[in-house]
N, C-alpha and C. Protein backbone atom coordinates (compact mmCIF):
# COMPACT_ATOMS: atom_id res chain seq x y z
N MET A 1 100.71 88.86 76.86
CA MET A 1 101.18 90.09 77.20
C MET A 1 101.27 89.98 78.81
N VAL A 2 102.26 90.84 79.27
CA VAL A 2 102.45 90.96 80.76
C VAL A 2 101.58 91.98 81.32
N GLN A 3 101.18 91.62 82.32
CA GLN A 3 100.04 92.54 82.88
C GLN A 3 100.90 93.40 83.87
N GLU A 4 100.61 94.66 84.21
CA GLU A 4 101.07 95.77 84.93
C GLU A 4 101.37 95.02 86.37
N GLU A 5 100.41 94.08 86.75
CA GLU A 5 100.72 93.36 88.30
C GLU A 5 101.99 92.67 88.26
N ASP A 6 102.08 91.96 87.17
CA ASP A 6 103.19 90.97 87.05
C ASP A 6 104.43 91.90 87.20
N ILE A 7 104.36 92.83 86.17
CA ILE A 7 105.48 93.87 86.15
C ILE A 7 106.13 94.38 87.74
N HIS A 8 104.95 94.76 88.24
CA HIS A 8 105.23 95.42 89.44
C HIS A 8 105.95 94.26 90.45
N ILE A 9 105.31 92.95 90.60
CA ILE A 9 105.92 91.93 91.25
C ILE A 9 107.19 91.64 90.93
N ASN A 10 107.51 91.40 89.67
CA ASN A 10 108.93 91.57 89.15
C ASN A 10 109.85 92.52 89.64
N LEU A 11 109.46 93.70 89.67
CA LEU A 11 110.40 94.68 89.88
C LEU A 11 110.53 94.74 91.33
N GLU A 12 109.45 94.19 92.19
CA GLU A 12 109.72 94.02 93.63
C GLU A 12 110.86 92.98 93.81
N SER A 13 110.81 91.81 93.14
CA SER A 13 111.53 91.17 93.50
C SER A 13 112.89 91.13 93.06
N ILE A 14 113.12 91.98 91.81
CA ILE A 14 114.48 92.56 91.79
C ILE A 14 114.78 93.59 92.75
N PHE A 15 113.81 94.33 93.34
CA PHE A 15 114.46 95.36 94.12
C PHE A 15 114.90 94.62 95.50
N GLN A 16 114.28 93.73 95.67
CA GLN A 16 115.03 92.62 96.79
C GLN A 16 116.07 92.21 96.75
N GLU A 17 116.39 91.60 95.55
CA GLU A 17 117.94 91.18 94.98
C GLU A 17 118.97 91.98 95.10
N VAL A 18 118.27 93.29 94.73
CA VAL A 18 119.43 94.48 94.59
C VAL A 18 119.76 94.89 96.25
N LEU A 19 118.78 94.68 97.31
CA LEU A 19 118.94 95.06 98.60
C LEU A 19 120.11 94.18 99.22
N ALA A 20 119.80 92.64 98.72
CA ALA A 20 120.60 91.67 99.22
C ALA A 20 122.07 91.78 98.82
N LYS A 21 121.98 92.17 97.55
CA LYS A 21 123.53 92.24 97.09
C LYS A 21 124.06 93.38 97.73
N ARG A 22 123.52 94.25 97.87
CA ARG A 22 123.99 95.50 98.71
C ARG A 22 124.27 95.20 100.06
N GLN A 23 123.75 94.23 100.82
CA GLN A 23 123.91 93.49 102.31
C GLN A 23 125.58 92.54 101.76
N GLU A 24 125.25 92.02 101.14
CA GLU A 24 126.39 91.02 101.00
C GLU A 24 127.68 91.83 100.38
N GLU A 25 127.49 92.91 99.75
CA GLU A 25 128.91 93.32 99.24
C GLU A 25 129.44 94.44 100.19
N GLY A 26 128.28 95.02 101.24
CA GLY A 26 128.97 95.72 102.21
C GLY A 26 128.72 97.46 101.67
N ALA A 27 128.14 97.54 100.35
CA ALA A 27 128.44 98.86 99.76
C ALA A 27 127.02 99.64 100.02
N PHE A 28 127.06 100.77 100.39
CA PHE A 28 125.81 101.24 101.10
C PHE A 28 125.36 102.77 100.40
N ASP A 29 126.25 103.10 99.60
CA ASP A 29 126.30 104.38 98.71
C ASP A 29 125.40 104.33 97.64
N GLN A 30 124.76 105.92 97.30
CA GLN A 30 123.69 105.74 95.99
C GLN A 30 124.58 105.12 94.95
N GLU A 31 125.81 105.43 94.70
CA GLU A 31 126.68 105.23 93.40
C GLU A 31 126.74 103.41 93.24
N SER A 32 126.66 102.71 94.52
CA SER A 32 126.82 101.06 94.70
C SER A 32 125.38 100.59 94.55
N TYR A 33 124.48 101.49 94.94
CA TYR A 33 123.11 100.87 94.71
C TYR A 33 123.00 100.94 93.32
N ASP A 34 123.09 102.08 92.57
CA ASP A 34 122.80 101.97 91.21
C ASP A 34 123.77 100.90 90.30
N GLN A 35 124.65 100.77 90.72
CA GLN A 35 125.48 99.83 90.10
C GLN A 35 124.94 98.42 90.05
N PHE A 36 124.55 98.20 91.51
CA PHE A 36 123.92 97.01 91.79
C PHE A 36 122.53 96.94 90.74
N VAL A 37 121.73 97.71 90.91
CA VAL A 37 120.46 97.64 89.94
C VAL A 37 120.72 97.41 88.48
N GLU A 38 121.99 97.91 87.98
CA GLU A 38 122.73 97.49 86.76
C GLU A 38 122.88 95.89 86.62
N ASP A 39 123.60 95.79 87.63
CA ASP A 39 124.24 94.44 87.89
C ASP A 39 123.09 93.10 87.73
N VAL A 40 122.08 93.52 88.39
CA VAL A 40 121.12 92.35 88.89
C VAL A 40 120.39 92.37 87.59
N LEU A 41 120.11 93.46 87.11
CA LEU A 41 119.18 93.24 85.72
C LEU A 41 120.17 92.50 84.44
N GLU A 42 121.46 92.97 84.61
CA GLU A 42 122.30 92.29 83.57
C GLU A 42 122.17 90.68 84.05
N GLU A 43 122.29 90.68 84.92
CA GLU A 43 122.49 88.95 85.30
C GLU A 43 121.28 88.16 84.69
N LYS A 44 120.31 88.85 85.24
CA LYS A 44 118.79 88.22 84.95
C LYS A 44 118.67 88.29 83.07
N LEU A 45 119.34 89.09 82.54
CA LEU A 45 119.50 89.51 80.86
C LEU A 45 120.38 87.79 80.53
N ASP A 46 121.09 87.62 81.45
CA ASP A 46 122.33 86.91 80.86
C ASP A 46 121.67 85.44 80.98
N ARG A 47 121.00 85.36 82.16
CA ARG A 47 119.93 83.93 82.87
C ARG A 47 118.79 83.70 81.77
N GLY A 48 118.31 84.55 81.00
CA GLY A 48 117.02 84.59 80.27
C GLY A 48 116.00 84.55 81.22
N GLU A 49 116.27 85.38 82.18
CA GLU A 49 114.97 85.41 82.97
C GLU A 49 114.27 86.98 82.43
N LEU A 50 115.08 87.78 82.26
CA LEU A 50 114.48 88.92 81.39
C LEU A 50 115.06 88.78 79.89
N HIS A 51 114.11 89.48 79.02
CA HIS A 51 114.40 89.95 77.42
C HIS A 51 114.55 91.01 77.08
N ASP A 52 115.38 90.95 76.05
CA ASP A 52 115.62 92.45 75.24
C ASP A 52 114.46 93.14 75.04
N ASP A 53 113.07 92.32 74.75
CA ASP A 53 112.04 93.28 74.51
C ASP A 53 111.12 93.59 75.88
N ASP A 54 111.71 93.29 77.15
CA ASP A 54 110.90 93.84 78.32
C ASP A 54 111.71 95.17 78.50
N ASP A 55 111.03 96.25 79.24
CA ASP A 55 111.68 97.65 79.28
C ASP A 55 112.63 97.71 80.17
N ILE A 56 113.98 97.27 80.01
CA ILE A 56 114.88 97.49 81.06
C ILE A 56 115.20 98.97 81.34
N GLU A 57 115.35 99.42 80.32
CA GLU A 57 115.77 100.74 80.62
C GLU A 57 114.71 101.58 81.52
N ASN A 58 113.26 101.38 81.62
CA ASN A 58 112.43 101.58 82.32
C ASN A 58 112.56 101.34 83.52
N TRP A 59 112.65 100.02 83.77
CA TRP A 59 112.67 99.28 84.93
C TRP A 59 114.02 99.73 85.49
N THR A 60 115.24 99.73 85.19
CA THR A 60 116.52 100.36 85.67
C THR A 60 115.89 101.71 86.29
N GLU A 61 115.35 102.68 85.63
CA GLU A 61 115.25 104.10 86.22
C GLU A 61 114.09 103.99 87.43
N GLN A 62 113.21 102.99 87.07
CA GLN A 62 112.28 103.02 88.44
C GLN A 62 113.08 102.34 89.54
N LEU A 63 113.82 101.55 89.35
CA LEU A 63 114.72 100.81 90.42
C LEU A 63 115.55 101.64 91.10
N LYS A 64 116.33 102.78 90.19
CA LYS A 64 116.98 103.96 90.94
C LYS A 64 116.49 104.50 91.66
N SER A 65 115.15 104.91 91.19
CA SER A 65 114.53 106.20 91.64
C SER A 65 114.14 105.90 93.18
N ARG A 66 114.24 104.51 93.47
CA ARG A 66 113.81 103.96 94.85
C ARG A 66 114.87 104.18 95.85
N TRP A 67 115.79 105.01 95.44
CA TRP A 67 116.75 104.89 96.44
C TRP A 67 116.88 105.83 97.70
N ASN A 68 115.59 106.67 97.76
CA ASN A 68 115.39 107.61 98.90
C ASN A 68 114.42 106.44 99.78
N GLU A 69 113.72 105.66 99.31
CA GLU A 69 113.33 104.23 100.28
C GLU A 69 114.45 103.87 100.67
N VAL A 70 115.67 103.36 99.80
CA VAL A 70 116.62 102.59 100.80
C VAL A 70 117.25 103.36 101.80
N GLU A 71 117.15 104.66 101.60
CA GLU A 71 117.85 105.41 102.57
C GLU A 71 116.98 105.62 104.13
N GLU A 72 115.84 105.70 103.67
CA GLU A 72 115.02 105.47 104.83
C GLU A 72 115.10 104.13 105.60
N MET A 73 115.11 103.15 104.82
CA MET A 73 115.18 101.66 105.39
C MET A 73 116.55 101.59 106.24
N ASP A 74 117.54 102.21 105.46
CA ASP A 74 118.73 102.35 106.54
C ASP A 74 118.92 103.31 107.70
N ALA A 75 117.88 104.27 107.64
CA ALA A 75 117.75 105.15 108.83
C ALA A 75 116.66 104.49 109.95
N GLU A 76 115.78 103.75 109.31
CA GLU A 76 115.02 102.95 110.46
C GLU A 76 116.37 101.67 110.98
N LYS A 77 116.97 101.13 110.40
CA LYS A 77 117.76 100.26 111.03
C LYS A 77 118.98 100.91 112.01
N GLU A 78 119.54 102.08 111.46
CA GLU A 78 120.14 102.62 112.61
C GLU A 78 119.42 103.24 113.70
N ASP A 79 118.22 103.47 113.74
CA ASP A 79 117.33 103.65 114.87
C ASP A 79 116.74 102.70 115.77
N GLY A 80 117.40 101.51 115.63
CA GLY A 80 116.72 100.32 115.87
C GLY A 80 115.85 99.76 115.49
N GLY A 81 115.11 100.49 114.34
CA GLY A 81 113.57 99.85 113.62
C GLY A 81 112.49 100.34 114.28
N SER A 82 112.70 101.20 115.25
CA SER A 82 111.63 102.10 115.95
C SER A 82 110.70 102.30 115.04
N ILE A 83 109.41 102.82 115.28
CA ILE A 83 108.48 103.48 114.33
C ILE A 83 108.03 104.70 114.98
């Protein structure tokens, strides 16, 4: 049985991959972000890192719901990273 902490770590890892893909592709709008979420999860399924019995739909929604966090990170970068 997968523990909730393991799922959180896995989701955070996937989130970081999505952010990296976003930088690589140079696409910074929400539509692109949502597509990158789906792409990264699908790639992980194809490589066997995730399985059909994992709650991919829920993970997709959780990751997509972090868009506001992504926008805040972008705004901080534009402001020079000052707090």
